[in-house]
Protein backbone atom coordinates (compact mmCIF):
# COMPACT_ATOMS: atom_id res chain seq x y z
CA UNK A 1 14.73 -71.00 -10.08
CA UNK A 2 15.08 -72.06 -6.34
CA UNK A 3 15.28 -69.02 -3.88
CA UNK A 4 18.07 -68.30 -1.89
CA UNK A 5 18.24 -68.35 1.84
CA UNK A 6 20.18 -68.09 5.05
CA UNK A 7 22.90 -70.87 5.30
CA UNK A 8 22.72 -70.80 9.13
CA UNK A 9 19.64 -72.72 10.67
CA UNK A 10 20.44 -71.33 14.17
CA UNK A 11 16.72 -69.80 15.14
CA UNK A 12 18.24 -67.11 17.61
CA UNK A 13 20.83 -66.02 14.74
CA UNK A 14 17.74 -66.00 12.16
CA UNK A 15 15.93 -63.79 14.43
CA UNK A 16 18.69 -61.27 14.90
CA UNK A 17 19.09 -61.16 11.43
CA UNK A 18 15.52 -60.26 10.69
CA UNK A 19 15.99 -57.54 13.19
CA UNK A 20 18.97 -56.31 11.56
CA UNK A 21 17.32 -56.29 8.25
CA UNK A 22 14.03 -54.96 9.39
CA UNK A 23 16.03 -51.85 10.78
CA UNK A 24 18.21 -51.57 7.55
CA UNK A 25 14.39 -51.03 5.84
CA UNK A 26 13.31 -48.78 8.41
CA UNK A 27 16.33 -46.59 7.92
CA UNK A 28 15.87 -46.52 4.15
CA UNK A 29 12.33 -45.56 4.51
CA UNK A 30 13.39 -42.61 6.46
CA UNK A 31 16.20 -41.99 4.07
CA UNK A 32 13.92 -42.24 0.94
CA UNK A 33 11.45 -39.86 2.65
CA UNK A 34 13.93 -36.95 2.44
CA UNK A 35 14.50 -34.95 -0.77
CA UNK A 36 17.94 -34.31 -1.95
CA UNK A 37 17.90 -30.87 -0.79
CA UNK A 38 17.04 -32.43 2.81
CA UNK A 39 20.29 -34.33 2.92
CA UNK A 40 22.03 -31.09 3.58
CA UNK A 41 20.24 -30.47 6.92
CA UNK A 42 21.41 -31.14 10.28
CA UNK A 43 21.30 -34.59 12.13
CA UNK A 44 20.42 -35.25 15.63
CA UNK A 45 24.44 -35.70 15.84
CA UNK A 46 26.27 -32.25 16.53
CA UNK A 47 28.47 -31.58 13.72
CA UNK A 48 26.92 -34.38 11.43
CA UNK A 49 24.44 -33.59 8.66
CA UNK A 50 22.13 -35.99 7.31
CA UNK A 51 24.88 -36.70 4.58
CA UNK A 52 27.26 -37.79 7.30
CA UNK A 53 24.62 -40.22 8.65
CA UNK A 54 24.06 -41.66 5.09
CA UNK A 55 27.71 -42.01 4.51
CA UNK A 56 28.38 -43.47 7.81
CA UNK A 57 25.69 -46.21 7.56
CA UNK A 58 26.88 -46.77 3.96
CA UNK A 59 30.20 -47.53 4.99
CA UNK A 60 29.48 -49.17 8.15
CA UNK A 61 28.18 -51.96 6.02
CA UNK A 62 31.31 -52.34 4.18
CA UNK A 63 33.41 -52.50 7.26
CA UNK A 64 31.05 -55.38 8.70
CA UNK A 65 30.93 -57.08 5.44
CA UNK A 66 34.78 -57.14 5.89
CA UNK A 67 34.47 -58.91 9.09
CA UNK A 68 31.90 -61.52 7.66
CA UNK A 69 34.41 -62.06 4.86
CA UNK A 70 37.18 -62.81 7.46
CA UNK A 71 34.74 -65.28 9.35
CA UNK A 72 34.34 -66.91 5.87
CA UNK A 73 37.72 -67.07 4.41
CA UNK A 74 40.06 -66.93 7.53
CA UNK A 75 42.02 -63.93 5.95
CA UNK A 76 42.13 -60.91 8.42
CA UNK A 77 40.17 -58.13 6.73
CA UNK A 78 39.85 -55.64 9.37
CA UNK A 79 36.95 -52.93 9.29
CA UNK A 80 39.07 -50.36 8.82
CA UNK A 81 42.87 -49.62 9.10
CA UNK A 82 42.02 -47.21 11.55
CA UNK A 83 39.67 -44.91 13.27
CA UNK A 84 41.20 -41.86 11.44
CA UNK A 85 40.56 -43.44 8.24
CA UNK A 86 37.27 -44.20 9.11
CA UNK A 87 36.46 -40.63 9.87
CA UNK A 88 37.88 -39.28 6.76
CA UNK A 89 35.79 -41.84 4.71
CA UNK A 90 32.80 -40.47 6.30
CA UNK A 91 33.78 -36.96 5.76
CA UNK A 92 34.45 -37.71 1.93
CA UNK A 93 31.26 -39.75 1.70
CA UNK A 94 29.55 -36.56 3.05
CA UNK A 95 30.40 -34.94 -0.07
CA UNK A 96 29.12 -37.09 -2.44
CA UNK A 97 26.16 -36.36 -4.93
CA UNK A 98 22.78 -37.40 -3.41
CA UNK A 99 22.32 -40.05 -6.08
CA UNK A 100 25.74 -41.41 -4.99
CA UNK A 101 25.01 -41.26 -1.33
CA UNK A 102 21.84 -43.15 -2.09
CA UNK A 103 23.57 -45.71 -4.28
CA UNK A 104 25.99 -46.43 -1.52
CA UNK A 105 23.55 -47.08 1.05
CA UNK A 106 21.65 -49.21 -1.11
CA UNK A 107 24.70 -51.32 -2.66
CA UNK A 108 26.52 -51.70 0.62
CA UNK A 109 23.62 -52.93 2.56
CA UNK A 110 22.85 -55.60 -0.23
CA UNK A 111 26.48 -56.61 -0.19
CA UNK A 112 26.34 -57.12 3.58
CA UNK A 113 23.04 -58.95 3.41
CA UNK A 114 24.70 -61.37 0.68
CA UNK A 115 27.61 -61.69 3.06
CA UNK A 116 25.63 -62.71 6.04
CA UNK A 117 23.44 -64.83 3.81
CA UNK A 118 26.21 -67.14 2.54
CA UNK A 119 28.18 -67.51 5.77
CA UNK A 120 28.08 -71.25 6.57
CA UNK A 121 26.57 -72.35 9.78
CA UNK A 122 29.93 -73.22 11.61
CA UNK A 123 31.65 -69.97 10.33
CA UNK A 124 29.51 -67.84 12.29
CA UNK A 125 31.40 -68.84 15.51
CA UNK A 126 34.83 -67.66 14.02
CA UNK A 127 36.67 -64.84 15.81
CA UNK A 128 37.03 -61.47 14.35
CA UNK A 129 38.00 -57.99 15.39
CA UNK A 130 35.99 -55.00 15.72
CA UNK A 131 37.37 -51.42 15.36
CA UNK A 132 37.98 -51.09 19.03
CA UNK A 133 39.86 -54.14 19.17
CA UNK A 134 37.18 -56.51 20.73
CA UNK A 135 37.67 -60.19 19.81
CA UNK A 136 33.99 -61.38 18.95
CA UNK A 137 32.47 -64.28 17.17
CA UNK A 138 30.86 -63.26 13.91
CA UNK A 139 27.69 -63.58 15.04
CA UNK A 140 28.10 -60.15 16.82
CA UNK A 141 28.26 -58.57 13.20
CA UNK A 142 24.51 -58.72 13.55
CA UNK A 143 24.31 -56.90 16.48
CA UNK A 144 26.62 -54.30 15.53
CA UNK A 145 24.55 -53.55 12.22
CA UNK A 146 21.21 -53.44 14.00
CA UNK A 147 22.31 -51.10 16.40
CA UNK A 148 23.79 -48.73 13.83
CA UNK A 149 20.63 -48.92 11.52
CA UNK A 150 17.95 -48.58 14.22
CA UNK A 151 19.47 -45.72 16.20
CA UNK A 152 20.79 -43.71 13.01
CA UNK A 153 17.38 -43.83 11.82
CA UNK A 154 16.12 -41.52 14.55
CA UNK A 155 19.44 -39.32 13.91
CA UNK A 156 18.28 -38.68 10.44
CA UNK A 157 15.75 -36.32 12.39
CA UNK A 158 12.94 -36.96 9.80
CA UNK A 159 10.39 -38.14 12.53
CA UNK A 160 11.67 -41.51 13.63
CA UNK A 161 11.72 -41.85 17.41
CA UNK A 162 13.39 -44.23 19.76
CA UNK A 163 9.68 -45.46 20.58
CA UNK A 164 9.96 -46.65 16.89
CA UNK A 165 12.75 -49.24 17.63
CA UNK A 166 11.64 -52.56 18.83
CA UNK A 167 11.89 -53.34 22.53
CA UNK A 168 14.72 -56.01 22.38
CA UNK A 169 16.97 -53.71 20.57
CA UNK A 170 16.39 -50.90 23.15
CA UNK A 171 17.08 -53.28 25.77
CA UNK A 172 20.13 -54.78 24.53
CA UNK A 173 21.21 -51.00 23.64
CA UNK A 174 20.73 -50.26 27.24
CA UNK A 175 22.59 -52.87 28.45
CA UNK A 176 25.50 -52.05 25.97
CA UNK A 177 25.60 -48.36 27.04
CA UNK A 178 25.64 -49.21 30.88
CA UNK A 179 28.24 -51.90 30.27
CA UNK A 180 30.33 -49.26 28.83
CA UNK A 181 29.93 -46.89 31.66
CA UNK A 182 30.67 -49.31 34.14
CA UNK A 183 34.02 -50.81 32.47
CA UNK A 184 35.08 -46.80 32.81
CA UNK A 185 33.40 -46.28 36.04
CA UNK A 186 31.32 -43.38 35.15
CA UNK A 187 28.19 -44.98 36.54
CA UNK A 188 29.23 -44.33 39.94
CA UNK A 189 26.07 -43.10 42.01
CA UNK A 190 23.96 -43.63 39.03
CA UNK A 191 20.91 -45.41 38.92
CA UNK A 192 18.67 -46.06 35.71
CA UNK A 193 15.09 -47.44 36.24
CA UNK A 194 12.80 -48.58 33.33
CA UNK A 195 9.42 -48.12 34.65
CA UNK A 196 7.43 -50.02 32.22
CA UNK A 197 9.79 -52.95 32.23
CA UNK A 198 10.76 -53.23 36.01
CA UNK A 199 14.66 -53.21 34.91
CA UNK A 200 17.23 -51.43 36.87
CA UNK A 201 20.83 -50.52 35.72
CA UNK A 202 23.63 -48.61 36.98
CA UNK A 203 25.43 -48.22 40.45
CA UNK A 204 22.82 -50.54 42.28
CA UNK A 205 25.28 -50.62 45.41
CA UNK A 206 25.07 -47.01 46.08
CA UNK A 207 23.65 -45.60 49.17
CA UNK A 208 22.69 -42.28 47.35
CA UNK A 209 22.34 -42.75 43.91
CA UNK A 210 21.10 -40.21 41.46
CA UNK A 211 18.01 -41.93 39.72
CA UNK A 212 16.92 -41.51 36.41
CA UNK A 213 13.74 -43.06 35.43
CA UNK A 214 10.93 -43.49 32.66
CA UNK A 215 9.61 -45.63 29.91
CA UNK A 216 12.27 -47.70 28.23
CA UNK A 217 12.53 -45.65 24.80
CA UNK A 218 12.81 -42.65 26.85
CA UNK A 219 15.71 -44.03 29.06
CA UNK A 220 17.46 -45.25 26.15
CA UNK A 221 17.15 -42.00 24.37
CA UNK A 222 18.50 -40.00 27.12
CA UNK A 223 21.36 -42.76 28.10
CA UNK A 224 22.26 -42.59 24.37
CA UNK A 225 22.73 -38.76 24.66
CA UNK A 226 19.80 -38.09 22.64
CA UNK A 227 17.75 -36.02 24.67
CA UNK A 228 15.84 -36.20 28.12
CA UNK A 229 12.21 -36.24 27.12
CA UNK A 230 10.23 -38.51 29.13
CA UNK A 231 12.60 -39.25 31.92
CA UNK A 232 12.88 -37.70 35.36
CA UNK A 233 15.78 -37.65 37.73
CA UNK A 234 15.84 -37.90 41.64
CA UNK A 235 18.09 -38.31 44.94
CA UNK A 236 21.27 -36.81 45.96
CA UNK A 237 23.64 -38.82 43.77
CA UNK A 238 26.54 -36.73 42.40
CA UNK A 239 24.87 -33.46 42.76
CA UNK A 240 21.62 -31.91 44.23
CA UNK A 241 19.41 -32.92 41.31
CA UNK A 242 16.14 -32.09 42.63
CA UNK A 243 13.92 -32.48 39.29
CA UNK A 244 16.91 -31.46 36.78
CA UNK A 245 17.86 -34.28 34.54
CA UNK A 246 21.56 -34.41 34.47
CA UNK A 247 23.46 -35.38 31.17
CA UNK A 248 24.24 -39.08 30.52
CA UNK A 249 27.68 -40.33 30.82
CA UNK A 250 29.71 -40.52 27.50
CA UNK A 251 28.88 -43.78 25.72
CA UNK A 252 30.91 -44.10 22.61
């Protein structure tokens, strides 16, 4: 039997798909290391248990698969009817039995992977709409999923760290986060310096910014609101910081 493979031949897209699939495998490994009882434990996200994280990742795969189906058929199939429906779905999913939660993750990941695999090359450029209302090409669904699985693998609080996330994913995460700040104007007088990559983000026109600096993984962890280990702060900026690292502006 001939092996099935991705219909797209775009090398950049294939590389992005590989990154997303590796992230899914990484999440699966961290999830499978947890016992059923461990699922009741707290995640790194306030108010969410590991059950919530697992349900979210499962339903997220289904939602992104709907966007891929939209690109394939031209029939509008939104991710969710509303954010309220999405939140209710996650809360409900968190009440499922451990085996049902694990099946939700496994089956939804396979479904999404098949939708990606079978999407013709030209359909990847068809426009779909995210839950936030952004009009994006179907290629964006790959990044949407990659971001979720890599970062929420850390949120399972099972030993994964931002240092385990591939550098290209970390760099794009940081661009996403700082871009959201810029759009809202919440990066005023704030500059991020990535010391191991010579990268700078934020309000670089400020004459007296607060400067948060550190290695890439640590800066992304801080910017994503997951902790301040490994970063330092200096400069007057919005407050007299001295060595105290401020809380990052809200991202999502």
